């Protein structure tokens, strides 16, 4: 077991994920659905297919050997979990990268870290390591309130400067609700990776697919991601038809825009694949899905807030607003340290 390497891989994965939406800011002449539609195909179908082929020496043999129940469960969970990613993606248009990711992470941590520990590893909760892990989850929860406060102050600051129109107040509230709901649903991924049917796929990936144990989790993620393709592309097609925005691909078909989408897909898929590696038992042990999730989402919010700050999402707000935002980030850093140390002491 290589806990140090597992922690490092999870942190790198989270950093990449927190940056994936940044290139979308360059596509100013495309609507949200014009960006999210090709991104969904790349990140939920094309790149996952590449990753599973690279991770599993015998992918066809593996998939043909899996029970139908396991595949159906994976697809169903993918629809639910990546329905959450869809809600998060919509929230980006309302409240920006920084606040969306911060709210997402706060809600994801509770569902993705605490719930799996209680259900699958309750025996460690009151050990020394377990107390550090629970303390980290508590810090994540507290950070959510600071994020919400920052969002409310940002809204008031924009309104006072008359930058927003009368309808944007409800848009800010809507964006925060979407980000939190998306986080709750997305956080189920960690819970799902702990379930028996998912572990059966991992075992089959090793035994039939000849995969290294460190890469076997990518077989589960592949099926889940395919399920996630359905709500994301389905909603985009609905909007493309409703808003009559298909023509934008023709009238604003800039090479830079497609490079931006490709970059988004690469960042997102690389982060997902690396997280799948970090949570293996050979990396982070039996608590891999929970601990790896905590480290992953913690770095997501740090890198996304840095990206959002650099691109000017918070340039018009007060110092007091930034204090709440940075306090939230500081709490998340402390949470990462606490959870990482807690997992280290358990082994």
Protein backbone atom coordinates (compact mmCIF):
# COMPACT_ATOMS: atom_id res chain seq x y z
CA UNK A 1 0.00 0.00 0.00
CA UNK A 2 1.33 3.43 -0.96
CA UNK A 3 -0.75 5.97 0.96
CA UNK A 4 1.53 8.90 0.17
CA UNK A 5 1.28 8.30 -3.56
CA UNK A 6 -2.48 7.78 -3.28
CA UNK A 7 -2.88 11.14 -1.54
CA UNK A 8 -0.74 12.86 -4.17
CA UNK A 9 -2.70 11.35 -7.07
CA UNK A 10 -6.03 12.34 -5.48
CA UNK A 11 -4.81 15.91 -4.98
CA UNK A 12 -3.61 16.18 -8.59
CA UNK A 13 -6.96 14.80 -9.77
CA UNK A 14 -8.84 17.41 -7.75
CA UNK A 15 -6.64 20.21 -9.06
CA UNK A 16 -7.37 19.24 -12.67
CA UNK A 17 -11.08 18.92 -11.99
CA UNK A 18 -11.28 22.35 -10.41
CA UNK A 19 -9.83 23.86 -13.59
CA UNK A 20 -11.86 21.96 -16.18
CA UNK A 21 -14.57 24.62 -16.65
CA UNK A 22 -12.07 27.46 -17.10
CA UNK A 23 -11.65 27.09 -20.91
CA UNK A 24 -15.41 27.56 -21.35
CA UNK A 25 -14.93 31.24 -20.44
CA UNK A 26 -13.14 31.71 -23.77
CA UNK A 27 -16.18 30.65 -25.80
CA UNK A 28 -18.05 33.92 -25.40
CA UNK A 29 -20.14 33.57 -28.59
CA UNK A 30 -21.49 30.13 -27.67
CA UNK A 31 -24.44 29.51 -25.39
CA UNK A 32 -24.09 27.20 -22.39
CA UNK A 33 -25.60 24.24 -24.24
CA UNK A 34 -23.23 24.71 -27.18
CA UNK A 35 -20.33 24.18 -24.80
CA UNK A 36 -21.78 21.48 -22.57
CA UNK A 37 -23.04 19.26 -25.42
CA UNK A 38 -19.66 18.41 -27.05
CA UNK A 39 -17.97 18.47 -23.64
CA UNK A 40 -20.38 15.78 -22.42
CA UNK A 41 -19.61 13.54 -25.38
CA UNK A 42 -15.89 13.89 -24.85
CA UNK A 43 -15.84 13.53 -21.06
CA UNK A 44 -18.61 10.95 -20.63
CA UNK A 45 -18.03 8.74 -23.68
CA UNK A 46 -14.93 9.26 -25.83
CA UNK A 47 -12.23 9.82 -23.20
CA UNK A 48 -13.67 7.25 -20.72
CA UNK A 49 -13.50 4.71 -23.55
CA UNK A 50 -9.84 5.59 -24.10
CA UNK A 51 -9.12 5.35 -20.37
CA UNK A 52 -10.78 1.95 -19.94
CA UNK A 53 -8.90 0.56 -22.96
CA UNK A 54 -5.61 1.80 -21.51
CA UNK A 55 -6.47 0.61 -17.99
CA UNK A 56 -7.96 -2.81 -18.77
CA UNK A 57 -5.89 -5.08 -21.08
CA UNK A 58 -8.99 -7.13 -21.98
CA UNK A 59 -11.93 -4.67 -21.87
CA UNK A 60 -14.20 -6.63 -24.24
CA UNK A 61 -13.79 -9.83 -22.24
CA UNK A 62 -14.47 -7.92 -19.04
CA UNK A 63 -17.68 -6.25 -20.23
CA UNK A 64 -19.03 -9.48 -21.72
CA UNK A 65 -18.40 -11.33 -18.46
CA UNK A 66 -20.23 -8.84 -16.22
CA UNK A 67 -23.71 -9.74 -14.94
CA UNK A 68 -26.49 -7.65 -16.46
CA UNK A 69 -27.46 -6.46 -12.98
CA UNK A 70 -24.05 -4.86 -12.40
CA UNK A 71 -24.18 -3.01 -15.72
CA UNK A 72 -27.74 -1.78 -15.11
CA UNK A 73 -26.80 -0.57 -11.63
CA UNK A 74 -23.79 1.27 -13.03
CA UNK A 75 -25.84 2.99 -15.73
CA UNK A 76 -28.63 3.91 -13.30
CA UNK A 77 -26.19 5.35 -10.78
CA UNK A 78 -24.49 7.27 -13.58
CA UNK A 79 -27.78 8.90 -14.54
CA UNK A 80 -28.34 10.04 -10.95
CA UNK A 81 -24.77 11.09 -10.16
CA UNK A 82 -24.07 12.89 -13.40
CA UNK A 83 -27.51 14.40 -13.33
CA UNK A 84 -25.92 16.19 -10.36
CA UNK A 85 -23.01 17.23 -12.56
CA UNK A 86 -25.54 18.63 -15.01
CA UNK A 87 -27.12 20.76 -12.27
CA UNK A 88 -23.66 21.96 -11.31
CA UNK A 89 -22.90 22.79 -14.93
CA UNK A 90 -26.06 24.90 -15.13
CA UNK A 91 -25.09 26.71 -11.92
CA UNK A 92 -21.86 27.91 -13.55
CA UNK A 93 -23.86 30.26 -15.73
CA UNK A 94 -25.57 31.81 -12.70
CA UNK A 95 -22.83 32.17 -10.08
CA UNK A 96 -19.50 31.45 -11.77
CA UNK A 97 -16.74 28.89 -11.27
CA UNK A 98 -15.48 29.88 -7.83
CA UNK A 99 -18.74 29.92 -5.89
CA UNK A 100 -20.23 26.97 -7.78
CA UNK A 101 -17.30 24.72 -6.92
CA UNK A 102 -17.17 25.91 -3.31
CA UNK A 103 -20.86 25.12 -2.74
CA UNK A 104 -20.53 21.88 -4.68
CA UNK A 105 -17.66 20.67 -2.52
CA UNK A 106 -19.32 21.53 0.77
CA UNK A 107 -22.35 19.39 -0.05
CA UNK A 108 -20.33 16.65 -1.78
CA UNK A 109 -18.15 16.14 1.27
CA UNK A 110 -21.04 15.32 3.57
CA UNK A 111 -22.57 12.75 1.22
CA UNK A 112 -19.36 11.41 -0.30
CA UNK A 113 -17.18 11.14 2.80
CA UNK A 114 -19.34 10.87 5.90
CA UNK A 115 -22.14 8.63 4.63
CA UNK A 116 -19.84 5.86 3.24
CA UNK A 117 -17.85 5.87 6.48
CA UNK A 118 -20.99 5.41 8.57
CA UNK A 119 -22.42 2.67 6.35
CA UNK A 120 -19.31 0.71 5.37
CA UNK A 121 -16.57 1.53 7.90
CA UNK A 122 -18.31 2.56 11.10
CA UNK A 123 -15.75 0.67 13.20
CA UNK A 124 -13.07 3.31 12.48
CA UNK A 125 -15.16 6.34 13.39
CA UNK A 126 -14.10 6.49 17.04
CA UNK A 127 -10.47 5.56 16.53
CA UNK A 128 -7.82 8.28 16.54
CA UNK A 129 -7.73 8.30 12.75
CA UNK A 130 -11.52 8.28 12.57
CA UNK A 131 -11.76 11.33 14.84
CA UNK A 132 -9.39 13.25 12.55
CA UNK A 133 -11.47 12.22 9.53
CA UNK A 134 -14.71 13.28 11.21
CA UNK A 135 -13.11 16.57 12.20
CA UNK A 136 -12.19 17.14 8.57
CA UNK A 137 -15.76 16.45 7.45
CA UNK A 138 -17.01 18.90 10.08
CA UNK A 139 -14.67 21.56 8.69
CA UNK A 140 -16.06 20.90 5.21
CA UNK A 141 -19.56 21.42 6.57
CA UNK A 142 -18.60 24.70 8.26
CA UNK A 143 -16.93 25.87 5.05
CA UNK A 144 -20.28 25.51 3.28
CA UNK A 145 -21.84 28.19 5.50
CA UNK A 146 -18.94 30.58 4.81
CA UNK A 147 -19.41 29.94 1.08
CA UNK A 148 -23.10 30.71 1.29
CA UNK A 149 -22.34 33.92 3.19
CA UNK A 150 -19.82 34.92 0.51
CA UNK A 151 -22.42 34.26 -2.17
CA UNK A 152 -25.03 36.40 -0.45
CA UNK A 153 -22.57 39.25 0.07
CA UNK A 154 -21.48 39.01 -3.56
CA UNK A 155 -25.11 39.28 -4.64
CA UNK A 156 -25.70 42.32 -2.42
CA UNK A 157 -22.49 43.96 -3.66
CA UNK A 158 -23.46 43.54 -7.30
CA UNK A 159 -26.97 44.80 -6.63
CA UNK A 160 -25.71 47.88 -4.81
CA UNK A 161 -23.45 48.73 -7.74
CA UNK A 162 -26.43 48.34 -10.09
CA UNK A 163 -24.56 45.77 -12.14
CA UNK A 164 -27.44 43.33 -11.91
CA UNK A 165 -30.94 43.76 -13.20
CA UNK A 166 -34.04 42.93 -11.16
CA UNK A 167 -34.21 39.34 -12.35
CA UNK A 168 -30.67 38.35 -11.42
CA UNK A 169 -31.31 38.13 -7.70
CA UNK A 170 -33.38 35.01 -8.17
CA UNK A 171 -30.70 33.76 -10.62
CA UNK A 172 -28.06 33.95 -7.88
CA UNK A 173 -30.31 32.05 -5.48
CA UNK A 174 -31.17 29.54 -8.18
CA UNK A 175 -27.47 29.03 -8.96
CA UNK A 176 -26.61 28.35 -5.33
CA UNK A 177 -29.47 25.84 -4.98
CA UNK A 178 -28.41 24.07 -8.18
CA UNK A 179 -24.78 23.85 -7.05
CA UNK A 180 -25.69 22.41 -3.63
CA UNK A 181 -28.19 19.92 -5.08
CA UNK A 182 -25.66 18.94 -7.73
CA UNK A 183 -23.11 18.35 -4.98
CA UNK A 184 -25.45 16.09 -3.01
CA UNK A 185 -26.13 13.94 -6.10
CA UNK A 186 -22.50 13.97 -7.27
CA UNK A 187 -21.35 12.95 -3.80
CA UNK A 188 -23.13 9.65 -4.28
CA UNK A 189 -20.23 8.55 -6.49
CA UNK A 190 -18.09 7.80 -3.45
CA UNK A 191 -20.97 5.86 -1.87
CA UNK A 192 -21.55 3.88 -5.07
CA UNK A 193 -17.88 2.89 -5.36
CA UNK A 194 -18.18 1.24 -1.94
CA UNK A 195 -21.14 -0.94 -2.96
CA UNK A 196 -20.90 -4.68 -3.50
CA UNK A 197 -21.76 -4.63 -7.21
CA UNK A 198 -19.03 -2.04 -7.87
CA UNK A 199 -16.45 -4.10 -5.98
CA UNK A 200 -17.53 -7.14 -8.01
CA UNK A 201 -16.72 -5.23 -11.20
CA UNK A 202 -13.30 -4.27 -9.78
CA UNK A 203 -12.58 -7.94 -8.96
CA UNK A 204 -13.71 -9.00 -12.43
CA UNK A 205 -11.52 -6.32 -14.00
CA UNK A 206 -8.52 -7.88 -12.25
CA UNK A 207 -9.45 -11.53 -12.84
CA UNK A 208 -10.96 -11.42 -16.33
CA UNK A 209 -9.73 -8.09 -17.68
CA UNK A 210 -6.15 -8.65 -16.43
CA UNK A 211 -6.12 -5.15 -14.96
CA UNK A 212 -3.72 -3.97 -12.30
CA UNK A 213 -5.60 -3.44 -9.04
CA UNK A 214 -4.60 0.24 -9.06
CA UNK A 215 -6.45 0.77 -12.36
CA UNK A 216 -9.39 -1.62 -11.95
CA UNK A 217 -11.76 1.05 -10.54
CA UNK A 218 -11.79 2.71 -13.94
CA UNK A 219 -13.96 -0.17 -15.19
CA UNK A 220 -16.71 0.88 -12.76
CA UNK A 221 -16.28 4.55 -13.60
CA UNK A 222 -16.59 3.78 -17.31
CA UNK A 223 -20.06 2.26 -16.90
CA UNK A 224 -21.17 5.06 -14.57
CA UNK A 225 -19.95 7.74 -16.97
CA UNK A 226 -21.85 6.16 -19.87
CA UNK A 227 -25.01 6.42 -17.75
CA UNK A 228 -24.18 10.07 -17.07
CA UNK A 229 -24.08 10.76 -20.79
CA UNK A 230 -27.86 10.41 -21.03
CA UNK A 231 -29.11 13.32 -18.85
CA UNK A 232 -26.32 15.66 -19.93
CA UNK A 233 -26.67 15.26 -23.68
CA UNK A 234 -30.46 14.94 -23.42
CA UNK A 235 -30.83 18.29 -21.67
CA UNK A 236 -28.41 19.95 -24.07
CA UNK A 237 -30.38 18.69 -27.08
CA UNK A 238 -33.56 20.05 -25.47
CA UNK A 239 -31.96 23.49 -25.05
CA UNK A 240 -30.39 23.47 -28.51
CA UNK A 241 -33.84 22.90 -29.98
CA UNK A 242 -35.67 25.26 -27.63
CA UNK A 243 -33.21 28.14 -28.05
CA UNK A 244 -32.59 27.37 -31.73
CA UNK A 245 -28.87 27.46 -31.02
CA UNK A 246 -27.71 24.64 -33.31
CA UNK A 247 -26.79 27.25 -35.94
CA UNK A 248 -24.20 28.75 -33.58
CA UNK A 249 -21.87 25.85 -34.35
CA UNK A 250 -21.91 26.99 -37.99
CA UNK A 251 -21.86 30.74 -37.58
CA UNK A 252 -19.29 30.78 -34.75
CA UNK A 253 -17.25 27.71 -35.61
CA UNK A 254 -13.93 28.97 -34.33
CA UNK A 255 -10.98 26.61 -33.97
CA UNK A 256 -10.16 28.12 -30.57
CA UNK A 257 -13.63 27.20 -29.29
CA UNK A 258 -13.16 23.54 -30.19
CA UNK A 259 -9.71 23.57 -28.62
CA UNK A 260 -11.34 24.93 -25.45
CA UNK A 261 -13.88 22.09 -25.44
CA UNK A 262 -11.14 19.53 -26.05
CA UNK A 263 -9.15 20.99 -23.15
CA UNK A 264 -12.20 20.82 -20.88
CA UNK A 265 -12.74 17.18 -21.76
CA UNK A 266 -9.08 16.28 -21.24
CA UNK A 267 -8.91 17.98 -17.84
CA UNK A 268 -12.15 16.42 -16.63
CA UNK A 269 -11.39 12.92 -17.90
CA UNK A 270 -7.83 12.95 -16.61
CA UNK A 271 -9.09 13.99 -13.19
CA UNK A 272 -11.69 11.21 -13.15
CA UNK A 273 -9.18 8.58 -14.25
CA UNK A 274 -6.60 9.67 -11.68
CA UNK A 275 -9.20 9.67 -8.91
CA UNK A 276 -10.15 6.13 -9.92
CA UNK A 277 -6.50 5.13 -9.49
CA UNK A 278 -6.10 6.89 -6.13
CA UNK A 279 -9.02 5.11 -4.46
CA UNK A 280 -7.70 1.60 -5.07
CA UNK A 281 -6.83 -0.53 -2.04
CA UNK A 282 -3.20 -0.53 -3.17
CA UNK A 283 -3.16 3.26 -2.75
CA UNK A 284 -5.47 4.48 0.03
CA UNK A 285 -6.59 1.17 1.56
CA UNK A 286 -10.11 0.08 2.47
CA UNK A 287 -11.25 3.67 2.96
CA UNK A 288 -10.00 4.65 -0.49
CA UNK A 289 -13.32 5.81 -2.01
CA UNK A 290 -14.15 7.99 0.99
CA UNK A 291 -10.69 9.42 1.71
CA UNK A 292 -9.81 9.81 -1.94
CA UNK A 293 -13.08 11.64 -2.45
CA UNK A 294 -12.35 14.07 0.36
CA UNK A 295 -8.88 14.89 -0.96
CA UNK A 296 -10.21 15.11 -4.52
CA UNK A 297 -13.03 17.54 -3.82
CA UNK A 298 -10.92 19.62 -1.44
CA UNK A 299 -8.39 20.37 -4.17
CA UNK A 300 -11.26 20.99 -6.58
CA UNK A 301 -12.48 23.96 -4.60
CA UNK A 302 -8.99 25.37 -4.07
CA UNK A 303 -8.00 25.25 -7.74
CA UNK A 304 -11.42 26.44 -8.93
CA UNK A 305 -11.38 29.42 -6.60
CA UNK A 306 -7.90 30.38 -7.71
CA UNK A 307 -9.09 30.14 -11.32
CA UNK A 308 -12.23 32.15 -10.59
CA UNK A 309 -10.30 34.82 -8.72
CA UNK A 310 -7.70 35.19 -11.49
CA UNK A 311 -10.40 35.54 -14.15
CA UNK A 312 -12.11 38.34 -12.24
CA UNK A 313 -15.24 36.64 -10.86
CA UNK A 314 -14.80 38.42 -7.53
CA UNK A 315 -13.23 41.71 -8.69
CA UNK A 316 -16.29 43.84 -7.95
CA UNK A 317 -17.00 42.57 -4.43
CA UNK A 318 -16.05 43.98 -1.05
CA UNK A 319 -13.09 42.95 1.09
CA UNK A 320 -15.54 41.51 3.61
CA UNK A 321 -16.95 39.19 0.93
CA UNK A 322 -13.46 37.97 0.03
CA UNK A 323 -12.76 37.30 3.70
CA UNK A 324 -15.65 34.84 3.83
CA UNK A 325 -14.53 33.20 0.60
CA UNK A 326 -10.93 32.81 1.74
CA UNK A 327 -12.09 31.61 5.16
CA UNK A 328 -14.03 28.88 3.38
CA UNK A 329 -10.94 27.89 1.39
CA UNK A 330 -8.81 27.93 4.55
CA UNK A 331 -11.25 25.61 6.32
CA UNK A 332 -11.14 23.23 3.36
CA UNK A 333 -7.34 23.15 3.49
CA UNK A 334 -7.49 22.30 7.19
CA UNK A 335 -10.07 19.63 6.40
CA UNK A 336 -7.74 18.08 3.82
CA UNK A 337 -4.87 17.96 6.29
CA UNK A 338 -7.07 16.44 9.00
CA UNK A 339 -8.56 13.78 6.73
CA UNK A 340 -5.21 12.91 5.14
CA UNK A 341 -3.56 12.52 8.53
CA UNK A 342 -6.48 10.51 9.88
CA UNK A 343 -6.24 8.03 7.03
CA UNK A 344 -2.47 7.80 7.49
CA UNK A 345 -2.81 6.87 11.18
CA UNK A 346 -5.24 4.05 10.36
CA UNK A 347 -2.54 2.19 8.47
